């Protein structure tokens, strides 16, 4: 499915948006999170948080570079979790 179609599913508030997002970008998100956190459990939680943040951001956001936008979210959430684990 194309990025624009996935974004339209988010605008329609269809739960299929999350499953389509996971099918297309799930491996990318997991790989980014796992490379930062080196923990499958923490990476899974960050990916789920990424999906929730995406659900809450679209609408009103309509990212033109969806893959990069999504990667930035998962990266930032993973870095925040990594920093939190190092200071605790």
Protein backbone atom coordinates (compact mmCIF):
# COMPACT_ATOMS: atom_id res chain seq x y z
CA UNK A 1 0.00 0.00 0.00
CA UNK A 2 1.25 3.47 -0.83
CA UNK A 3 2.09 5.98 1.90
CA UNK A 4 -0.70 8.33 0.81
CA UNK A 5 -3.23 5.52 1.19
CA UNK A 6 -1.97 4.72 4.70
CA UNK A 7 -2.22 8.38 5.64
CA UNK A 8 -5.79 8.46 4.30
CA UNK A 9 -6.62 5.50 6.55
CA UNK A 10 -5.34 7.52 9.51
CA UNK A 11 -7.51 10.46 8.45
CA UNK A 12 -10.49 8.10 8.27
CA UNK A 13 -9.56 6.88 11.79
CA UNK A 14 -9.51 3.31 10.50
CA UNK A 15 -7.74 0.76 12.67
CA UNK A 16 -6.45 -0.76 9.44
CA UNK A 17 -4.03 2.17 9.32
CA UNK A 18 -1.95 0.64 12.13
CA UNK A 19 -1.87 -2.82 10.55
CA UNK A 20 -0.92 -1.39 7.14
CA UNK A 21 1.73 0.77 8.77
CA UNK A 22 3.12 -2.27 10.58
CA UNK A 23 3.16 -4.38 7.42
CA UNK A 24 5.02 -1.72 5.44
CA UNK A 25 7.33 -0.17 8.03
CA UNK A 26 7.29 -2.54 11.02
CA UNK A 27 10.67 -4.10 10.23
CA UNK A 28 12.27 -0.69 9.72
CA UNK A 29 10.89 0.62 13.02
CA UNK A 30 11.97 -2.48 14.93
CA UNK A 31 15.45 -2.36 13.41
CA UNK A 32 15.92 1.33 14.29
CA UNK A 33 14.71 0.84 17.85
CA UNK A 34 16.71 -2.36 18.38
CA UNK A 35 19.92 -0.79 17.06
CA UNK A 36 19.61 1.99 19.63
CA UNK A 37 18.31 0.00 22.59
CA UNK A 38 19.81 -3.49 22.07
CA UNK A 39 16.76 -4.89 23.84
CA UNK A 40 13.93 -6.58 21.97
CA UNK A 41 11.43 -5.79 24.72
CA UNK A 42 12.32 -2.09 24.87
CA UNK A 43 12.37 -1.89 21.07
CA UNK A 44 8.89 -3.43 20.87
CA UNK A 45 7.59 -0.90 23.37
CA UNK A 46 9.11 2.00 21.41
CA UNK A 47 7.57 0.74 18.18
CA UNK A 48 4.16 0.52 19.84
CA UNK A 49 4.65 4.04 21.22
CA UNK A 50 5.56 5.15 17.69
CA UNK A 51 2.30 3.75 16.34
CA UNK A 52 0.34 5.52 19.09
CA UNK A 53 2.14 8.80 18.46
CA UNK A 54 1.46 8.44 14.73
CA UNK A 55 -2.23 7.76 15.43
CA UNK A 56 -2.40 10.92 17.55
CA UNK A 57 -0.46 13.08 15.06
CA UNK A 58 -2.42 12.17 11.90
CA UNK A 59 -4.64 14.13 11.51
CA UNK A 60 -3.83 17.06 11.47
CA UNK A 61 -0.32 16.26 10.22
CA UNK A 62 0.03 15.05 6.66
CA UNK A 63 3.71 14.13 6.33
CA UNK A 64 5.05 14.26 2.80
CA UNK A 65 8.10 12.07 3.55
CA UNK A 66 6.21 9.50 5.61
CA UNK A 67 9.06 6.99 5.99
CA UNK A 68 11.50 9.64 7.25
CA UNK A 69 8.83 11.16 9.51
CA UNK A 70 8.08 7.78 11.03
CA UNK A 71 11.79 6.97 11.41
CA UNK A 72 12.35 10.21 13.27
CA UNK A 73 9.58 9.37 15.73
CA UNK A 74 10.90 5.88 16.49
CA UNK A 75 14.47 7.17 16.72
CA UNK A 76 13.57 9.96 19.13
CA UNK A 77 11.46 7.68 21.33
CA UNK A 78 14.25 5.10 21.39
CA UNK A 79 16.90 7.68 22.27
CA UNK A 80 14.69 9.03 25.06
CA UNK A 81 14.28 5.50 26.47
CA UNK A 82 18.02 4.85 26.13
CA UNK A 83 18.89 8.07 27.99
CA UNK A 84 16.32 7.26 30.66
CA UNK A 85 17.81 3.80 31.24
CA UNK A 86 21.31 5.26 31.58
CA UNK A 87 20.36 7.86 34.19
CA UNK A 88 18.21 5.61 36.37
